[in-house]
Amino acid sequence: MFSGSFSIWHWLIVLVIVIAIFGTKKIRNAGGDLGAAVRNFKKSMKEGEEEEEAKRQAAALAGETAKTVDASASANSTASQSSNAEHH
C-alpha cells in the first residue's frame, strides 16, 4: 500500500485538501496563534530563569553576610576571652 515514506506530491495533495477545508484565513490565524503561544512560552521561561538567578544571588549575599557576622562574632569572642584571661 505505502512504500514507507511520502513523496513531495503526497504532501502537496494533503496541503491542498487542508486549504480547501479550512481556508487560508483560518490557517493564517492558527499560525499566528501558535506563534504567539511560542513567544509567550519563551518569555515566561526567561522570566523564570531571571527569578531563579535573583534568588541565587540573594542566597549568596545572605551567605556572605552570615559568614561576616560569624567571623566578627568569633573575633569578639576571642578578644573577650583573652581580656578575661589577662584580668584573672
PDB file of N, CA and C in Angstrom:
ATOM      1  N   MET A   1       0.830  -1.182   0.000  1.00  0.00           N
ATOM      2  CA  MET A   1       0.000   0.000   0.000  1.00  0.00           C
ATOM      3  C   MET A   1       0.883   1.257   0.000  1.00  0.00           C
ATOM      4  N   PHE A   2       1.658   1.484   1.094  1.00  0.00           N
ATOM      5  CA  PHE A   2       2.596   2.607   1.142  1.00  0.00           C
ATOM      6  C   PHE A   2       4.001   2.049   1.017  1.00  0.00           C
ATOM      7  N   SER A   3       4.850   2.786   0.364  1.00  0.00           N
ATOM      8  CA  SER A   3       6.220   2.317   0.187  1.00  0.00           C
ATOM      9  C   SER A   3       7.127   2.701   1.351  1.00  0.00           C
ATOM     10  N   GLY A   4       6.594   3.276   2.413  1.00  0.00           N
ATOM     11  CA  GLY A   4       7.394   3.597   3.587  1.00  0.00           C
ATOM     12  C   GLY A   4       7.492   5.081   3.851  1.00  0.00           C
ATOM     13  N   SER A   5       7.504   5.898   2.832  1.00  0.00           N
ATOM     14  CA  SER A   5       7.569   7.343   3.043  1.00  0.00           C
ATOM     15  C   SER A   5       6.731   8.043   1.985  1.00  0.00           C
ATOM     16  N   PHE A   6       6.331   9.241   2.326  1.00  0.00           N
ATOM     17  CA  PHE A   6       5.519  10.010   1.399  1.00  0.00           C
ATOM     18  C   PHE A   6       6.415  10.884   0.534  1.00  0.00           C
ATOM     19  N   SER A   7       6.055  11.012  -0.710  1.00  0.00           N
ATOM     20  CA  SER A   7       6.811  11.894  -1.596  1.00  0.00           C
ATOM     21  C   SER A   7       6.284  13.319  -1.454  1.00  0.00           C
ATOM     22  N   ILE A   8       6.931  14.247  -2.115  1.00  0.00           N
ATOM     23  CA  ILE A   8       6.511  15.641  -2.061  1.00  0.00           C
ATOM     24  C   ILE A   8       5.101  15.803  -2.625  1.00  0.00           C
ATOM     25  N   TRP A   9       4.749  14.980  -3.581  1.00  0.00           N
ATOM     26  CA  TRP A   9       3.415  15.075  -4.185  1.00  0.00           C
ATOM     27  C   TRP A   9       2.334  14.695  -3.192  1.00  0.00           C
ATOM     28  N   HIS A  10       2.605  13.727  -2.347  1.00  0.00           N
ATOM     29  CA  HIS A  10       1.622  13.359  -1.325  1.00  0.00           C
ATOM     30  C   HIS A  10       1.376  14.535  -0.379  1.00  0.00           C
ATOM     31  N   TRP A  11       2.462  15.182   0.041  1.00  0.00           N
ATOM     32  CA  TRP A  11       2.331  16.312   0.967  1.00  0.00           C
ATOM     33  C   TRP A  11       1.627  17.496   0.316  1.00  0.00           C
ATOM     34  N   LEU A  12       1.874  17.742  -0.967  1.00  0.00           N
ATOM     35  CA  LEU A  12       1.188  18.825  -1.672  1.00  0.00           C
ATOM     36  C   LEU A  12      -0.311  18.563  -1.771  1.00  0.00           C
ATOM     37  N   ILE A  13      -0.690  17.326  -2.022  1.00  0.00           N
ATOM     38  CA  ILE A  13      -2.113  16.979  -2.083  1.00  0.00           C
ATOM     39  C   ILE A  13      -2.760  17.183  -0.718  1.00  0.00           C
ATOM     40  N   VAL A  14      -2.089  16.762   0.349  1.00  0.00           N
ATOM     41  CA  VAL A  14      -2.614  16.965   1.704  1.00  0.00           C
ATOM     42  C   VAL A  14      -2.759  18.458   1.987  1.00  0.00           C
ATOM     43  N   LEU A  15      -1.779  19.260   1.596  1.00  0.00           N
ATOM     44  CA  LEU A  15      -1.834  20.703   1.804  1.00  0.00           C
ATOM     45  C   LEU A  15      -3.016  21.324   1.065  1.00  0.00           C
ATOM     46  N   VAL A  16      -3.242  20.930  -0.174  1.00  0.00           N
ATOM     47  CA  VAL A  16      -4.367  21.454  -0.951  1.00  0.00           C
ATOM     48  C   VAL A  16      -5.688  21.083  -0.287  1.00  0.00           C
ATOM     49  N   ILE A  17      -5.808  19.877   0.217  1.00  0.00           N
ATOM     50  CA  ILE A  17      -7.045  19.448   0.883  1.00  0.00           C
ATOM     51  C   ILE A  17      -7.271  20.249   2.157  1.00  0.00           C
ATOM     52  N   VAL A  18      -6.219  20.459   2.949  1.00  0.00           N
ATOM     53  CA  VAL A  18      -6.342  21.230   4.193  1.00  0.00           C
ATOM     54  C   VAL A  18      -6.758  22.663   3.885  1.00  0.00           C
ATOM     55  N   ILE A  19      -6.153  23.268   2.857  1.00  0.00           N
ATOM     56  CA  ILE A  19      -6.524  24.641   2.487  1.00  0.00           C
ATOM     57  C   ILE A  19      -7.967  24.685   1.998  1.00  0.00           C
ATOM     58  N   ALA A  20      -8.394  23.684   1.259  1.00  0.00           N
ATOM     59  CA  ALA A  20      -9.770  23.654   0.760  1.00  0.00           C
ATOM     60  C   ALA A  20     -10.765  23.519   1.904  1.00  0.00           C
ATOM     61  N   ILE A  21     -10.422  22.752   2.927  1.00  0.00           N
ATOM     62  CA  ILE A  21     -11.344  22.545   4.047  1.00  0.00           C
ATOM     63  C   ILE A  21     -11.383  23.758   4.962  1.00  0.00           C
ATOM     64  N   PHE A  22     -10.231  24.257   5.374  1.00  0.00           N
ATOM     65  CA  PHE A  22     -10.182  25.311   6.387  1.00  0.00           C
ATOM     66  C   PHE A  22     -10.093  26.719   5.810  1.00  0.00           C
ATOM     67  N   GLY A  23      -9.555  26.878   4.648  1.00  0.00           N
ATOM     68  CA  GLY A  23      -9.366  28.204   4.074  1.00  0.00           C
ATOM     69  C   GLY A  23      -8.084  28.828   4.582  1.00  0.00           C
ATOM     70  N   THR A  24      -7.565  29.778   3.821  1.00  0.00           N
ATOM     71  CA  THR A  24      -6.278  30.372   4.176  1.00  0.00           C
ATOM     72  C   THR A  24      -6.375  31.267   5.398  1.00  0.00           C
ATOM     73  N   LYS A  25      -7.528  31.914   5.607  1.00  0.00           N
ATOM     74  CA  LYS A  25      -7.662  32.828   6.749  1.00  0.00           C
ATOM     75  C   LYS A  25      -7.563  32.072   8.074  1.00  0.00           C
ATOM     76  N   LYS A  26      -8.247  30.953   8.187  1.00  0.00           N
ATOM     77  CA  LYS A  26      -8.188  30.169   9.430  1.00  0.00           C
ATOM     78  C   LYS A  26      -6.791  29.603   9.658  1.00  0.00           C
ATOM     79  N   ILE A  27      -6.144  29.182   8.587  1.00  0.00           N
ATOM     80  CA  ILE A  27      -4.792  28.642   8.722  1.00  0.00           C
ATOM     81  C   ILE A  27      -3.837  29.752   9.158  1.00  0.00           C
ATOM     82  N   ARG A  28      -3.985  30.955   8.585  1.00  0.00           N
ATOM     83  CA  ARG A  28      -3.152  32.093   8.965  1.00  0.00           C
ATOM     84  C   ARG A  28      -3.383  32.450  10.432  1.00  0.00           C
ATOM     85  N   ASN A  29      -4.643  32.461  10.869  1.00  0.00           N
ATOM     86  CA  ASN A  29      -4.949  32.756  12.275  1.00  0.00           C
ATOM     87  C   ASN A  29      -4.355  31.700  13.199  1.00  0.00           C
ATOM     88  N   ALA A  30      -4.449  30.448  12.805  1.00  0.00           N
ATOM     89  CA  ALA A  30      -3.886  29.372  13.625  1.00  0.00           C
ATOM     90  C   ALA A  30      -2.371  29.515  13.712  1.00  0.00           C
ATOM     91  N   GLY A  31      -1.734  29.892  12.617  1.00  0.00           N
ATOM     92  CA  GLY A  31      -0.285  30.111  12.626  1.00  0.00           C
ATOM     93  C   GLY A  31       0.097  31.266  13.530  1.00  0.00           C
ATOM     94  N   GLY A  32      -0.691  32.342  13.491  1.00  0.00           N
ATOM     95  CA  GLY A  32      -0.434  33.493  14.364  1.00  0.00           C
ATOM     96  C   GLY A  32      -0.621  33.139  15.825  1.00  0.00           C
ATOM     97  N   ASP A  33      -1.670  32.366  16.108  1.00  0.00           N
ATOM     98  CA  ASP A  33      -1.915  31.937  17.488  1.00  0.00           C
ATOM     99  C   ASP A  33      -0.784  31.041  17.990  1.00  0.00           C
ATOM    100  N   LEU A  34      -0.321  30.160  17.135  1.00  0.00           N
ATOM    101  CA  LEU A  34       0.783  29.278  17.511  1.00  0.00           C
ATOM    102  C   LEU A  34       2.055  30.086  17.766  1.00  0.00           C
ATOM    103  N   GLY A  35       2.315  31.069  16.915  1.00  0.00           N
ATOM    104  CA  GLY A  35       3.487  31.928  17.100  1.00  0.00           C
ATOM    105  C   GLY A  35       3.409  32.708  18.403  1.00  0.00           C
ATOM    106  N   ALA A  36       2.222  33.237  18.731  1.00  0.00           N
ATOM    107  CA  ALA A  36       2.045  33.980  19.983  1.00  0.00           C
ATOM    108  C   ALA A  36       2.243  33.063  21.184  1.00  0.00           C
ATOM    109  N   ALA A  37       1.753  31.836  21.082  1.00  0.00           N
ATOM    110  CA  ALA A  37       1.917  30.887  22.181  1.00  0.00           C
ATOM    111  C   ALA A  37       3.393  30.570  22.407  1.00  0.00           C
ATOM    112  N   VAL A  38       4.139  30.397  21.336  1.00  0.00           N
ATOM    113  CA  VAL A  38       5.573  30.108  21.455  1.00  0.00           C
ATOM    114  C   VAL A  38       6.300  31.299  22.070  1.00  0.00           C
ATOM    115  N   ARG A  39       5.966  32.528  21.629  1.00  0.00           N
ATOM    116  CA  ARG A  39       6.597  33.731  22.196  1.00  0.00           C
ATOM    117  C   ARG A  39       6.304  33.849  23.685  1.00  0.00           C
ATOM    118  N   ASN A  40       5.041  33.624  24.077  1.00  0.00           N
ATOM    119  CA  ASN A  40       4.682  33.708  25.496  1.00  0.00           C
ATOM    120  C   ASN A  40       5.402  32.649  26.318  1.00  0.00           C
ATOM    121  N   PHE A  41       5.538  31.454  25.760  1.00  0.00           N
ATOM    122  CA  PHE A  41       6.246  30.387  26.457  1.00  0.00           C
ATOM    123  C   PHE A  41       7.709  30.764  26.678  1.00  0.00           C
ATOM    124  N   LYS A  42       8.358  31.269  25.635  1.00  0.00           N
ATOM    125  CA  LYS A  42       9.760  31.676  25.755  1.00  0.00           C
ATOM    126  C   LYS A  42       9.913  32.808  26.761  1.00  0.00           C
ATOM    127  N   LYS A  43       8.971  33.753  26.748  1.00  0.00           N
ATOM    128  CA  LYS A  43       9.017  34.889  27.678  1.00  0.00           C
ATOM    129  C   LYS A  43       8.895  34.408  29.119  1.00  0.00           C
ATOM    130  N   SER A  44       7.968  33.495  29.377  1.00  0.00           N
ATOM    131  CA  SER A  44       7.790  33.001  30.744  1.00  0.00           C
ATOM    132  C   SER A  44       8.988  32.169  31.194  1.00  0.00           C
ATOM    133  N   MET A  45       9.610  31.428  30.285  1.00  0.00           N
ATOM    134  CA  MET A  45      10.811  30.671  30.636  1.00  0.00           C
ATOM    135  C   MET A  45      11.948  31.618  31.004  1.00  0.00           C
ATOM    136  N   LYS A  46      12.095  32.702  30.248  1.00  0.00           N
ATOM    137  CA  LYS A  46      13.154  33.672  30.517  1.00  0.00           C
ATOM    138  C   LYS A  46      12.914  34.350  31.863  1.00  0.00           C
ATOM    139  N   GLU A  47      11.657  34.713  32.152  1.00  0.00           N
ATOM    140  CA  GLU A  47      11.334  35.348  33.432  1.00  0.00           C
ATOM    141  C   GLU A  47      11.611  34.394  34.590  1.00  0.00           C
ATOM    142  N   GLY A  48      11.292  33.118  34.411  1.00  0.00           N
ATOM    143  CA  GLY A  48      11.556  32.123  35.446  1.00  0.00           C
ATOM    144  C   GLY A  48      13.038  31.981  35.723  1.00  0.00           C
ATOM    145  N   GLU A  49      13.847  32.001  34.665  1.00  0.00           N
ATOM    146  CA  GLU A  49      15.298  31.907  34.838  1.00  0.00           C
ATOM    147  C   GLU A  49      15.840  33.138  35.555  1.00  0.00           C
ATOM    148  N   GLU A  50      15.284  34.324  35.235  1.00  0.00           N
ATOM    149  CA  GLU A  50      15.734  35.550  35.892  1.00  0.00           C
ATOM    150  C   GLU A  50      15.386  35.525  37.378  1.00  0.00           C
ATOM    151  N   GLU A  51      14.200  34.997  37.716  1.00  0.00           N
ATOM    152  CA  GLU A  51      13.806  34.892  39.125  1.00  0.00           C
ATOM    153  C   GLU A  51      14.730  33.942  39.875  1.00  0.00           C
ATOM    154  N   GLU A  52      15.065  32.810  39.253  1.00  0.00           N
ATOM    155  CA  GLU A  52      15.965  31.844  39.883  1.00  0.00           C
ATOM    156  C   GLU A  52      17.341  32.464  40.117  1.00  0.00           C
ATOM    157  N   GLU A  53      17.832  33.219  39.141  1.00  0.00           N
ATOM    158  CA  GLU A  53      19.139  33.862  39.277  1.00  0.00           C
ATOM    159  C   GLU A  53      19.107  34.880  40.412  1.00  0.00           C
ATOM    160  N   ALA A  54      18.014  35.633  40.523  1.00  0.00           N
ATOM    161  CA  ALA A  54      17.892  36.618  41.607  1.00  0.00           C
ATOM    162  C   ALA A  54      17.876  35.919  42.965  1.00  0.00           C
ATOM    163  N   LYS A  55      17.196  34.777  43.053  1.00  0.00           N
ATOM    164  CA  LYS A  55      17.163  34.019  44.309  1.00  0.00           C
ATOM    165  C   LYS A  55      18.558  33.505  44.667  1.00  0.00           C
ATOM    166  N   ARG A  56      19.285  33.010  43.653  1.00  0.00           N
ATOM    167  CA  ARG A  56      20.639  32.512  43.903  1.00  0.00           C
ATOM    168  C   ARG A  56      21.553  33.632  44.383  1.00  0.00           C
ATOM    169  N   GLN A  57      21.432  34.801  43.766  1.00  0.00           N
ATOM    170  CA  GLN A  57      22.266  35.933  44.173  1.00  0.00           C
ATOM    171  C   GLN A  57      21.916  36.381  45.583  1.00  0.00           C
ATOM    172  N   ALA A  58      20.619  36.393  45.918  1.00  0.00           N
ATOM    173  CA  ALA A  58      20.209  36.786  47.264  1.00  0.00           C
ATOM    174  C   ALA A  58      20.723  35.783  48.290  1.00  0.00           C
ATOM    175  N   ALA A  59      20.662  34.496  47.958  1.00  0.00           N
ATOM    176  CA  ALA A  59      21.157  33.473  48.874  1.00  0.00           C
ATOM    177  C   ALA A  59      22.668  33.597  49.054  1.00  0.00           C
ATOM    178  N   ALA A  60      23.372  33.882  47.975  1.00  0.00           N
ATOM    179  CA  ALA A  60      24.825  34.049  48.071  1.00  0.00           C
ATOM    180  C   ALA A  60      25.163  35.266  48.920  1.00  0.00           C
ATOM    181  N   LEU A  61      24.415  36.345  48.745  1.00  0.00           N
ATOM    182  CA  LEU A  61      24.630  37.547  49.550  1.00  0.00           C
ATOM    183  C   LEU A  61      24.347  37.270  51.014  1.00  0.00           C
ATOM    184  N   ALA A  62      23.261  36.545  51.279  1.00  0.00           N
ATOM    185  CA  ALA A  62      22.913  36.212  52.661  1.00  0.00           C
ATOM    186  C   ALA A  62      23.990  35.320  53.273  1.00  0.00           C
ATOM    187  N   GLY A  63      24.529  34.401  52.497  1.00  0.00           N
ATOM    188  CA  GLY A  63      25.601  33.530  52.983  1.00  0.00           C
ATOM    189  C   GLY A  63      26.852  34.315  53.312  1.00  0.00           C
ATOM    190  N   GLU A  64      27.203  35.283  52.477  1.00  0.00           N
ATOM    191  CA  GLU A  64      28.384  36.108  52.742  1.00  0.00           C
ATOM    192  C   GLU A  64      28.175  36.961  53.984  1.00  0.00           C
ATOM    193  N   THR A  65      26.969  37.484  54.154  1.00  0.00           N
ATOM    194  CA  THR A  65      26.658  38.296  55.332  1.00  0.00           C
ATOM    195  C   THR A  65      26.750  37.445  56.589  1.00  0.00           C
ATOM    196  N   ALA A  66      26.230  36.216  56.518  1.00  0.00           N
ATOM    197  CA  ALA A  66      26.279  35.326  57.677  1.00  0.00           C
ATOM    198  C   ALA A  66      27.728  34.983  58.021  1.00  0.00           C
ATOM    199  N   LYS A  67      28.559  34.758  57.016  1.00  0.00           N
ATOM    200  CA  LYS A  67      29.969  34.455  57.270  1.00  0.00           C
ATOM    201  C   LYS A  67      30.663  35.641  57.921  1.00  0.00           C
ATOM    202  N   THR A  68      30.343  36.841  57.462  1.00  0.00           N
ATOM    203  CA  THR A  68      30.945  38.050  58.030  1.00  0.00           C
ATOM    204  C   THR A  68      30.523  38.223  59.476  1.00  0.00           C
ATOM    205  N   VAL A  69      29.232  38.010  59.752  1.00  0.00           N
ATOM    206  CA  VAL A  69      28.730  38.134  61.122  1.00  0.00           C
ATOM    207  C   VAL A  69      29.371  37.080  62.004  1.00  0.00           C
ATOM    208  N   ASP A  70      29.473  35.832  61.518  1.00  0.00           N
ATOM    209  CA  ASP A  70      30.102  34.766  62.293  1.00  0.00           C
ATOM    210  C   ASP A  70      31.566  35.077  62.563  1.00  0.00           C
ATOM    211  N   ALA A  71      32.268  35.591  61.578  1.00  0.00           N
ATOM    212  CA  ALA A  71      33.685  35.902  61.749  1.00  0.00           C
ATOM    213  C   ALA A  71      33.868  37.021  62.762  1.00  0.00           C
ATOM    214  N   SER A  72      33.030  38.047  62.702  1.00  0.00           N
ATOM    215  CA  SER A  72      33.175  39.150  63.657  1.00  0.00           C
ATOM    216  C   SER A  72      32.771  38.701  65.056  1.00  0.00           C
ATOM    217  N   ALA A  73      31.769  37.839  65.160  1.00  0.00           N
ATOM    218  CA  ALA A  73      31.373  37.324  66.469  1.00  0.00           C
ATOM    219  C   ALA A  73      32.486  36.456  67.047  1.00  0.00           C
ATOM    220  N   SER A  74      33.116  35.672  66.203  1.00  0.00           N
ATOM    221  CA  SER A  74      34.222  34.830  66.646  1.00  0.00           C
ATOM    222  C   SER A  74      35.397  35.683  67.099  1.00  0.00           C
ATOM    223  N   ALA A  75      35.683  36.739  66.365  1.00  0.00           N
ATOM    224  CA  ALA A  75      36.778  37.635  66.736  1.00  0.00           C
ATOM    225  C   ALA A  75      36.475  38.326  68.061  1.00  0.00           C
ATOM    226  N   ASN A  76      35.242  38.753  68.252  1.00  0.00           N
ATOM    227  CA  ASN A  76      34.853  39.396  69.507  1.00  0.00           C
ATOM    228  C   ASN A  76      34.944  38.419  70.669  1.00  0.00           C
ATOM    229  N   SER A  77      34.542  37.184  70.434  1.00  0.00           N
ATOM    230  CA  SER A  77      34.589  36.166  71.472  1.00  0.00           C
ATOM    231  C   SER A  77      36.033  35.879  71.867  1.00  0.00           C
ATOM    232  N   THR A  78      36.909  35.766  70.888  1.00  0.00           N
ATOM    233  CA  THR A  78      38.325  35.512  71.150  1.00  0.00           C
ATOM    234  C   THR A  78      38.945  36.682  71.895  1.00  0.00           C
ATOM    235  N   ALA A  79      38.596  37.893  71.505  1.00  0.00           N
ATOM    236  CA  ALA A  79      39.137  39.087  72.160  1.00  0.00           C
ATOM    237  C   ALA A  79      38.656  39.173  73.600  1.00  0.00           C
ATOM    238  N   SER A  80      37.398  38.858  73.854  1.00  0.00           N
ATOM    239  CA  SER A  80      36.884  38.938  75.222  1.00  0.00           C
ATOM    240  C   SER A  80      37.476  37.835  76.091  1.00  0.00           C
ATOM    241  N   GLN A  81      37.738  36.662  75.508  1.00  0.00           N
ATOM    242  CA  GLN A  81      38.351  35.585  76.270  1.00  0.00           C
ATOM    243  C   GLN A  81      39.780  35.950  76.659  1.00  0.00           C
ATOM    244  N   SER A  82      40.508  36.566  75.746  1.00  0.00           N
ATOM    245  CA  SER A  82      41.890  36.932  76.065  1.00  0.00           C
ATOM    246  C   SER A  82      41.924  38.079  77.070  1.00  0.00           C
ATOM    247  N   SER A  83      40.971  39.000  77.017  1.00  0.00           N
ATOM    248  CA  SER A  83      40.949  40.083  78.009  1.00  0.00           C
ATOM    249  C   SER A  83      40.526  39.546  79.375  1.00  0.00           C
ATOM    250  N   ASN A  84      39.648  38.556  79.403  1.00  0.00           N
ATOM    251  CA  ASN A  84      39.259  37.927  80.666  1.00  0.00           C
ATOM    252  C   ASN A  84      40.438  37.177  81.271  1.00  0.00           C
ATOM    253  N   ALA A  85      41.241  36.554  80.441  1.00  0.00           N
ATOM    254  CA  ALA A  85      42.403  35.813  80.927  1.00  0.00           C
ATOM    255  C   ALA A  85      43.437  36.769  81.507  1.00  0.00           C
ATOM    256  N   GLU A  86      43.560  37.959  80.942  1.00  0.00           N
ATOM    257  CA  GLU A  86      44.518  38.934  81.440  1.00  0.00           C
ATOM    258  C   GLU A  86      44.085  39.486  82.796  1.00  0.00           C
ATOM    259  N   HIS A  87      42.788  39.610  83.010  1.00  0.00           N
ATOM    260  CA  HIS A  87      42.274  40.168  84.251  1.00  0.00           C
ATOM    261  C   HIS A  87      42.348  39.165  85.398  1.00  0.00           C
ATOM    262  N   HIS A  88      42.432  37.887  85.119  1.00  0.00           N
ATOM    263  CA  HIS A  88      42.455  36.884  86.201  1.00  0.00           C
ATOM    264  C   HIS A  88      43.804  36.563  86.592  1.00  0.00           C
TER     265      HIS A  88
END
